[in-house]
Amino acid sequence: MKFMDFCAGIGGGRLGLEVLGWKCLGYAEIDKSPETTYKLFLAIMKKTMEI
């Protein structure tokens, strides 16, 4: 399944869906503070998955 992460916050909803095998096509977040955290969180998750 594929999804768009609207009102993304820091990515908790995305993480849950990706654990179930869903693929995120993109995200939207209006607030810059959570968006910064979202980007850092995803970078950390990608590095963790490579190990």
N, C-alpha and C. Protein backbone atom coordinates (compact mmCIF):
# COMPACT_ATOMS: atom_id res chain seq x y z
N MET A 1 0.85 -1.18 0.00
CA MET A 1 0.00 0.00 0.00
C MET A 1 0.89 1.24 0.00
N LYS A 2 0.35 2.31 -0.49
CA LYS A 2 1.05 3.59 -0.53
C LYS A 2 0.20 4.63 0.19
N PHE A 3 0.88 5.65 0.76
CA PHE A 3 0.16 6.70 1.47
C PHE A 3 0.91 8.02 1.40
N MET A 4 0.18 9.10 1.67
CA MET A 4 0.76 10.43 1.84
C MET A 4 0.64 10.78 3.32
N ASP A 5 1.68 11.33 3.88
CA ASP A 5 1.72 11.66 5.31
C ASP A 5 1.35 13.13 5.50
N PHE A 6 0.03 13.42 5.60
CA PHE A 6 -0.44 14.78 5.82
C PHE A 6 -0.45 15.09 7.31
N CYS A 7 -0.22 16.34 7.68
CA CYS A 7 -0.12 16.72 9.09
C CYS A 7 0.89 15.79 9.77
N ALA A 8 2.07 15.71 9.19
CA ALA A 8 3.06 14.69 9.50
C ALA A 8 3.63 14.76 10.91
N GLY A 9 3.64 15.94 11.52
CA GLY A 9 4.24 16.05 12.86
C GLY A 9 5.70 15.64 12.80
N ILE A 10 6.12 14.71 13.67
CA ILE A 10 7.51 14.25 13.65
C ILE A 10 7.65 12.87 13.01
N GLY A 11 6.60 12.35 12.41
CA GLY A 11 6.70 11.12 11.65
C GLY A 11 6.26 9.84 12.34
N GLY A 12 5.62 9.94 13.48
CA GLY A 12 5.19 8.74 14.20
C GLY A 12 4.20 7.90 13.43
N GLY A 13 3.25 8.56 12.77
CA GLY A 13 2.27 7.83 11.96
C GLY A 13 2.93 7.14 10.79
N ARG A 14 3.88 7.82 10.16
CA ARG A 14 4.62 7.24 9.04
C ARG A 14 5.38 6.00 9.49
N LEU A 15 6.04 6.10 10.63
CA LEU A 15 6.82 4.97 11.14
C LEU A 15 5.92 3.74 11.33
N GLY A 16 4.75 3.96 11.93
CA GLY A 16 3.83 2.86 12.16
C GLY A 16 3.37 2.19 10.87
N LEU A 17 3.06 3.00 9.85
CA LEU A 17 2.61 2.43 8.58
C LEU A 17 3.75 1.74 7.84
N GLU A 18 4.96 2.29 7.91
CA GLU A 18 6.09 1.66 7.23
C GLU A 18 6.45 0.32 7.89
N VAL A 19 6.27 0.22 9.19
CA VAL A 19 6.50 -1.06 9.88
C VAL A 19 5.54 -2.13 9.33
N LEU A 20 4.35 -1.70 8.91
CA LEU A 20 3.36 -2.62 8.34
C LEU A 20 3.60 -2.90 6.86
N GLY A 21 4.64 -2.27 6.29
CA GLY A 21 4.98 -2.51 4.89
C GLY A 21 4.45 -1.48 3.91
N TRP A 22 3.82 -0.43 4.39
CA TRP A 22 3.30 0.61 3.51
C TRP A 22 4.45 1.51 3.06
N LYS A 23 4.30 2.17 1.89
CA LYS A 23 5.33 3.05 1.35
C LYS A 23 4.82 4.49 1.32
N CYS A 24 5.60 5.38 1.92
CA CYS A 24 5.24 6.80 1.95
C CYS A 24 5.67 7.47 0.64
N LEU A 25 4.72 8.15 -0.01
CA LEU A 25 5.02 8.85 -1.26
C LEU A 25 5.45 10.29 -1.03
N GLY A 26 5.17 10.83 0.14
CA GLY A 26 5.52 12.21 0.46
C GLY A 26 4.87 12.63 1.75
N TYR A 27 5.18 13.84 2.19
CA TYR A 27 4.61 14.32 3.44
C TYR A 27 4.32 15.81 3.35
N ALA A 28 3.49 16.30 4.27
CA ALA A 28 3.18 17.72 4.36
C ALA A 28 3.10 18.10 5.84
N GLU A 29 3.80 19.15 6.19
CA GLU A 29 3.76 19.69 7.56
C GLU A 29 3.91 21.19 7.47
N ILE A 30 2.97 21.93 8.03
CA ILE A 30 2.95 23.38 7.95
C ILE A 30 3.91 24.03 8.97
N ASP A 31 4.11 23.39 10.10
CA ASP A 31 4.94 23.93 11.18
C ASP A 31 6.40 23.52 10.95
N LYS A 32 7.30 24.48 10.92
CA LYS A 32 8.71 24.22 10.60
C LYS A 32 9.44 23.43 11.68
N SER A 33 9.09 23.60 12.94
CA SER A 33 9.80 22.89 14.01
C SER A 33 9.62 21.37 13.91
N PRO A 34 8.39 20.86 13.81
CA PRO A 34 8.24 19.41 13.66
C PRO A 34 8.83 18.91 12.33
N GLU A 35 8.78 19.74 11.29
CA GLU A 35 9.33 19.33 10.00
C GLU A 35 10.83 19.08 10.10
N THR A 36 11.53 19.92 10.84
CA THR A 36 12.96 19.73 11.05
C THR A 36 13.22 18.41 11.78
N THR A 37 12.45 18.15 12.83
CA THR A 37 12.57 16.91 13.58
C THR A 37 12.24 15.71 12.69
N TYR A 38 11.21 15.85 11.87
CA TYR A 38 10.79 14.79 10.95
C TYR A 38 11.95 14.39 10.04
N LYS A 39 12.60 15.37 9.44
CA LYS A 39 13.71 15.10 8.52
C LYS A 39 14.89 14.44 9.24
N LEU A 40 15.21 14.90 10.44
CA LEU A 40 16.30 14.28 11.21
C LEU A 40 15.94 12.85 11.61
N PHE A 41 14.72 12.65 12.06
CA PHE A 41 14.25 11.33 12.47
C PHE A 41 14.33 10.33 11.32
N LEU A 42 13.90 10.75 10.12
CA LEU A 42 13.94 9.85 8.97
C LEU A 42 15.37 9.51 8.56
N ALA A 43 16.27 10.48 8.67
CA ALA A 43 17.68 10.23 8.34
C ALA A 43 18.26 9.18 9.30
N ILE A 44 17.92 9.29 10.57
CA ILE A 44 18.39 8.32 11.57
C ILE A 44 17.80 6.95 11.29
N MET A 45 16.51 6.90 10.95
CA MET A 45 15.85 5.62 10.68
C MET A 45 16.47 4.93 9.46
N LYS A 46 16.79 5.70 8.42
CA LYS A 46 17.39 5.11 7.22
C LYS A 46 18.75 4.51 7.53
N LYS A 47 19.56 5.21 8.36
CA LYS A 47 20.87 4.68 8.74
C LYS A 47 20.73 3.43 9.58
N THR A 48 19.74 3.39 10.47
CA THR A 48 19.50 2.23 11.33
C THR A 48 19.09 1.03 10.49
N MET A 49 18.28 1.25 9.47
CA MET A 49 17.81 0.15 8.62
C MET A 49 18.94 -0.43 7.77
N GLU A 50 19.98 0.35 7.49
CA GLU A 50 21.10 -0.11 6.68
C GLU A 50 21.99 -1.08 7.44
N ILE A 51 21.96 -1.02 8.76
CA ILE A 51 22.84 -1.85 9.58
C ILE A 51 22.39 -3.29 9.57
